[in-house]
Protein backbone atom coordinates (compact mmCIF):
# COMPACT_ATOMS: atom_id res chain seq x y z
CA MET A 1 -45.99 -18.94 70.44
CA LYS A 2 -46.64 -15.39 69.31
CA HIS A 3 -42.95 -14.94 68.49
CA LYS A 4 -42.90 -18.22 66.58
CA ALA A 5 -46.02 -17.24 64.59
CA LEU A 6 -44.56 -13.80 63.89
CA PHE A 7 -41.31 -15.37 62.71
CA LYS A 8 -43.19 -17.74 60.36
CA GLY A 9 -45.18 -14.79 59.02
CA ILE A 10 -42.00 -12.83 58.26
CA ILE A 11 -40.43 -15.85 56.53
CA THR A 12 -43.57 -16.37 54.45
CA LEU A 13 -43.63 -12.68 53.45
CA VAL A 14 -39.98 -12.75 52.40
CA LEU A 15 -40.55 -15.89 50.34
CA LEU A 16 -43.59 -14.34 48.64
CA LEU A 17 -41.62 -11.19 47.81
CA PHE A 18 -38.75 -13.27 46.42
CA ILE A 19 -41.06 -15.40 44.27
CA SER A 20 -42.83 -12.28 43.02
CA SER A 21 -39.57 -10.58 42.00
CA PHE A 22 -38.25 -13.79 40.43
CA THR A 23 -41.44 -14.24 38.38
CA SER A 24 -41.33 -10.60 37.29
CA LEU A 25 -37.71 -10.91 36.26
CA PHE A 26 -38.37 -13.89 33.99
CA ARG A 27 -41.89 -12.97 32.91
CA PRO A 28 -40.95 -12.49 29.24
CA ALA A 29 -39.44 -15.95 29.02
CA ILE A 30 -42.38 -17.50 30.88
CA ALA A 31 -44.99 -15.61 28.89
CA PHE A 32 -43.48 -16.66 25.59
CA ALA A 33 -42.34 -20.15 26.48
CA GLY A 34 -42.79 -22.30 23.40
CA THR A 35 -43.29 -19.23 21.16
CA PRO A 36 -40.55 -18.39 18.62
CA GLU A 37 -38.69 -15.22 19.51
CA PRO A 38 -39.01 -12.23 17.16
CA LYS A 39 -36.12 -12.00 14.69
CA LEU A 40 -35.02 -9.91 11.73
CA ASN A 41 -34.81 -11.29 8.21
CA VAL A 42 -31.14 -10.17 8.11
CA LYS A 43 -28.59 -9.07 10.71
CA SER A 44 -26.39 -7.26 8.19
CA LYS A 45 -27.10 -5.85 4.75
CA ALA A 46 -25.13 -4.08 2.01
CA ILE A 47 -27.19 -1.55 0.03
CA VAL A 48 -26.21 0.44 -3.03
CA LYS A 49 -26.46 4.21 -2.54
CA GLY A 50 -29.87 5.44 -3.67
CA LYS A 51 -31.52 2.02 -3.30
CA ASP A 52 -34.12 0.75 -0.81
CA TYR A 53 -34.34 -2.44 1.24
CA ALA A 54 -37.27 -3.74 3.29
CA LEU A 55 -36.30 -4.96 6.76
CA LYS A 56 -38.75 -7.51 8.19
CA VAL A 57 -39.45 -8.76 11.70
CA TYR A 58 -40.67 -12.36 11.93
CA ASN A 59 -42.52 -14.30 14.68
CA LEU A 60 -44.54 -11.33 15.99
CA THR A 61 -47.65 -12.09 18.03
CA GLU A 62 -50.94 -10.15 17.76
CA THR A 63 -50.06 -8.03 20.81
CA GLN A 64 -46.53 -7.11 19.71
CA THR A 65 -45.59 -3.94 17.84
CA VAL A 66 -42.34 -2.75 16.24
CA VAL A 67 -40.71 0.68 16.16
CA PHE A 68 -37.76 1.18 13.80
CA SER A 69 -34.93 3.65 14.42
CA VAL A 70 -31.44 4.35 13.04
CA ASP A 71 -28.27 5.65 14.68
CA SER A 72 -27.04 7.60 11.62
CA SER A 73 -29.75 9.37 9.63
CA LYS A 74 -27.10 10.86 7.32
CA VAL A 75 -26.32 7.38 5.96
CA VAL A 76 -29.78 5.76 5.85
CA SER A 77 -33.37 6.45 6.81
CA VAL A 78 -35.98 3.92 7.90
CA ASP A 79 -39.75 4.32 7.85
CA GLY A 80 -42.41 2.79 10.05
CA ASP A 81 -42.65 -0.30 7.86
CA GLY A 82 -38.91 -1.01 8.06
CA VAL A 83 -38.04 0.19 4.55
CA ILE A 84 -34.44 1.43 4.56
CA HIS A 85 -33.32 4.09 2.08
CA ALA A 86 -29.57 4.49 1.50
CA PHE A 87 -28.54 8.16 1.37
CA SER A 88 -24.76 8.19 1.51
CA ILE A 89 -21.74 5.88 1.67
CA GLY A 90 -21.00 4.64 5.18
CA THR A 91 -22.38 2.36 7.89
CA ALA A 92 -25.35 2.59 10.19
CA VAL A 93 -27.25 0.42 12.64
CA VAL A 94 -31.01 0.05 12.27
CA THR A 95 -32.81 -1.04 15.45
CA ALA A 96 -36.20 -2.72 15.60
CA THR A 97 -37.68 -2.36 19.11
CA VAL A 98 -40.37 -4.96 19.79
CA THR A 99 -42.80 -4.36 22.67
CA ASP A 100 -45.81 -6.32 23.86
CA SER A 101 -49.03 -4.67 25.05
CA ALA A 102 -49.94 -7.72 27.14
CA SER A 103 -46.72 -7.73 29.21
CA ASP A 104 -43.52 -5.84 29.89
CA TYR A 105 -41.73 -7.83 27.16
CA THR A 106 -39.25 -5.71 25.18
CA VAL A 107 -36.47 -6.74 22.83
CA LYS A 108 -34.17 -4.76 20.53
CA LEU A 109 -33.11 -6.34 17.23
CA GLN A 110 -30.30 -4.75 15.23
CA CYS A 111 -29.14 -4.84 11.62
CA LYS A 112 -25.80 -3.38 10.50
CA VAL A 113 -26.21 -1.59 7.16
CA THR A 114 -23.30 -0.84 4.83
CA VAL A 115 -23.95 1.64 2.02
CA GLY A 116 -21.59 1.57 -0.95
CA PRO A 117 -21.41 3.07 -4.43
CA PRO A 118 -23.00 1.37 -7.45
CA ALA A 119 -20.81 -0.64 -9.80
CA LEU A 120 -19.60 1.14 -12.94
CA PHE A 121 -17.91 -1.73 -14.74
CA VAL A 122 -17.66 -5.53 -14.55
CA ILE A 123 -15.11 -7.98 -15.98
CA LEU A 124 -15.34 -11.76 -15.68
CA SER A 125 -12.15 -13.55 -14.60
CA ARG A 126 -12.11 -15.55 -17.86
CA LYS A 127 -13.18 -14.97 -21.46
CA ASP A 128 -13.59 -18.69 -22.23
CA ALA A 129 -13.39 -22.03 -20.44
CA GLU A 130 -13.82 -25.77 -21.05
CA MET A 131 -15.93 -28.09 -18.91
CA VAL A 132 -17.36 -31.60 -19.17
CA ILE A 133 -20.95 -32.66 -18.57
CA GLY A 134 -21.78 -32.82 -14.87
CA GLN A 135 -19.03 -30.47 -13.72
CA ARG A 136 -19.64 -27.35 -11.68
CA SER A 137 -17.47 -24.26 -11.32
CA GLN A 138 -17.56 -20.85 -9.67
CA MET A 139 -17.41 -17.88 -12.04
CA TYR A 140 -15.52 -14.90 -10.63
CA CYS A 141 -15.64 -11.26 -11.69
CA LEU A 142 -14.00 -7.93 -10.88
CA LEU A 143 -16.10 -4.84 -10.25
CA SER A 144 -15.24 -1.14 -10.36
CA PRO A 145 -15.08 0.78 -8.11
CA LEU A 146 -13.49 -1.70 -5.76
CA ASN A 147 -15.62 -0.57 -2.81
CA THR A 148 -18.93 -1.15 -4.60
CA VAL A 149 -21.47 -3.32 -2.78
CA GLU A 150 -23.42 -4.15 -5.93
CA GLN A 151 -23.51 -7.77 -7.08
CA PRO A 152 -23.72 -8.70 -10.78
CA LYS A 153 -26.64 -10.64 -12.22
CA PHE A 154 -25.60 -13.88 -13.96
CA PHE A 155 -27.43 -15.63 -16.77
CA SER A 156 -26.74 -18.08 -19.58
CA SER A 157 -27.47 -17.86 -23.29
CA ALA A 158 -28.09 -21.63 -23.34
CA PRO A 159 -29.04 -22.93 -19.88
CA GLU A 160 -29.70 -26.38 -21.35
CA VAL A 161 -25.95 -26.55 -22.12
CA ALA A 162 -24.54 -24.64 -19.14
CA SER A 163 -26.69 -23.04 -16.46
CA VAL A 164 -25.55 -20.45 -13.92
CA SER A 165 -26.85 -19.69 -10.44
CA ALA A 166 -27.50 -16.25 -8.97
CA GLY A 167 -24.14 -16.55 -7.22
CA GLY A 168 -22.20 -17.39 -10.41
CA VAL A 169 -21.93 -21.19 -10.08
CA VAL A 170 -21.85 -22.72 -13.59
CA THR A 171 -23.18 -26.27 -14.16
CA ALA A 172 -22.32 -28.09 -17.39
CA LYS A 173 -25.41 -30.00 -18.53
CA SER A 174 -24.99 -31.08 -22.14
CA GLU A 175 -22.50 -31.00 -25.00
CA GLY A 176 -22.24 -27.66 -26.79
CA THR A 177 -21.40 -24.04 -26.07
CA ALA A 178 -23.03 -21.39 -23.91
CA CYS A 179 -22.23 -17.78 -23.06
CA ILE A 180 -22.30 -16.85 -19.38
CA TYR A 181 -23.10 -13.18 -18.81
CA ALA A 182 -22.46 -11.00 -15.77
CA GLN A 183 -24.41 -7.74 -15.88
CA ILE A 184 -24.73 -4.80 -13.49
CA ASP A 185 -27.57 -2.32 -13.01
CA ASN A 186 -26.22 0.34 -15.38
CA GLY A 187 -26.27 -2.14 -18.28
CA GLN A 188 -22.55 -2.90 -18.37
CA PHE A 189 -21.75 -6.59 -18.87
CA ASP A 190 -19.03 -9.11 -19.66
CA VAL A 191 -19.26 -12.60 -21.11
CA CYS A 192 -17.42 -15.93 -20.85
CA LYS A 193 -17.83 -18.63 -23.49
CA ILE A 194 -18.21 -22.12 -21.98
CA SER A 195 -17.47 -25.17 -24.15
CA VAL A 196 -18.99 -28.35 -22.73
CA ALA A 197 -17.62 -31.76 -23.78
CA PRO A 198 -19.01 -35.27 -23.02
CA GLY A 199 -18.37 -36.42 -19.48
CA GLU A 200 -15.53 -38.71 -18.50
CA GLU A 201 -15.55 -41.19 -15.62
CA ALA A 202 -12.29 -39.79 -14.24
CA ALA A 203 -13.38 -36.15 -14.55
CA PRO A 204 -13.71 -34.32 -11.20
CA ALA A 205 -17.18 -33.12 -10.16
CA ALA A 206 -15.90 -29.55 -9.85
CA VAL A 207 -13.36 -27.65 -11.90
CA GLU A 208 -11.46 -24.53 -10.83
CA LEU A 209 -11.59 -21.81 -13.47
CA THR A 210 -8.28 -20.10 -12.71
CA PRO A 211 -8.65 -16.37 -13.50
CA ASP A 212 -6.89 -15.29 -16.67
CA VAL A 213 -7.45 -11.60 -15.93
CA SER A 214 -4.89 -10.01 -13.62
CA PHE A 215 -5.62 -6.90 -11.59
CA ALA A 216 -3.30 -4.87 -13.84
CA GLU A 217 -5.14 -6.10 -16.96
CA PHE A 218 -8.42 -5.31 -15.28
CA LEU A 219 -7.35 -1.69 -14.83
CA ILE A 220 -6.13 -1.49 -18.44
CA ARG A 221 -9.35 -2.95 -19.81
CA LEU A 222 -11.37 -0.71 -17.54
CA ASN A 223 -9.63 2.37 -18.92
CA GLU A 224 -10.04 1.15 -22.52
CA ASN A 225 -13.75 0.58 -22.11
CA PHE A 226 -14.39 4.02 -20.68
CA SER A 227 -12.18 5.63 -23.34
CA ASN A 228 -13.40 3.77 -26.44
CA GLY A 229 -16.98 2.89 -25.57
CA ASP A 230 -18.49 0.28 -23.28
CA ASN A 231 -20.56 -2.89 -23.16
CA THR A 232 -24.18 -2.06 -22.38
CA SER A 233 -27.47 -3.82 -22.84
CA GLU A 234 -28.07 -1.56 -25.85
CA ASP A 235 -25.24 -3.31 -27.73
CA THR A 236 -27.06 -6.62 -28.02
CA GLY A 237 -30.60 -7.83 -27.74
CA ALA A 238 -29.37 -10.86 -25.84
CA LEU A 239 -29.14 -8.77 -22.67
CA ALA A 240 -32.52 -7.09 -22.88
CA GLN A 241 -34.16 -8.58 -19.81
């Protein structure tokens, strides 16, 4: 009987140790069951050299804290609030380490950062185009230098005729003409004149604006603009925004 009781005691002890280690192993998942996991606002980000970007961590609880770090301080720096400053062209990985004071929960969230040069010049793929009411089309542009990570800002001179989204999607709304502008941070811009005609039942909902600017022409125009003057926001009050 003593041997049987001893055997049962050993089995019970082993089971308790196993349950304890199993619970410890999965404690983070158990502790935060039903709670959204912490996550970054972006997993990758392109930043123009000299610019800042604020990295955010969502779904933090009251007991969780975040420490930011970077693997290449020559490319970017990051402060305690997650604000990234781009120093030089290259790539770096910013890590947000989340820990919880109420448990042994720890998670590392990473964002790949690409730092590129600012844009010097922008040319839209077309100088003019025709659309009908209700159609949509993507406006394309070429930027110099080719490895820039800057994105142009689009806007319309007559959004009631043809509006344009932040990504360059033009929507024809009413009959008339509108100028679609693409502008970069240094004030350089280019413009495409959109002529909108009444809609037709057979007209497609989207129209492809085939580029009429080749890469060779882009280089020629780029050289001409830098040699003979350029388009900047100082040339016209229409771009003073």
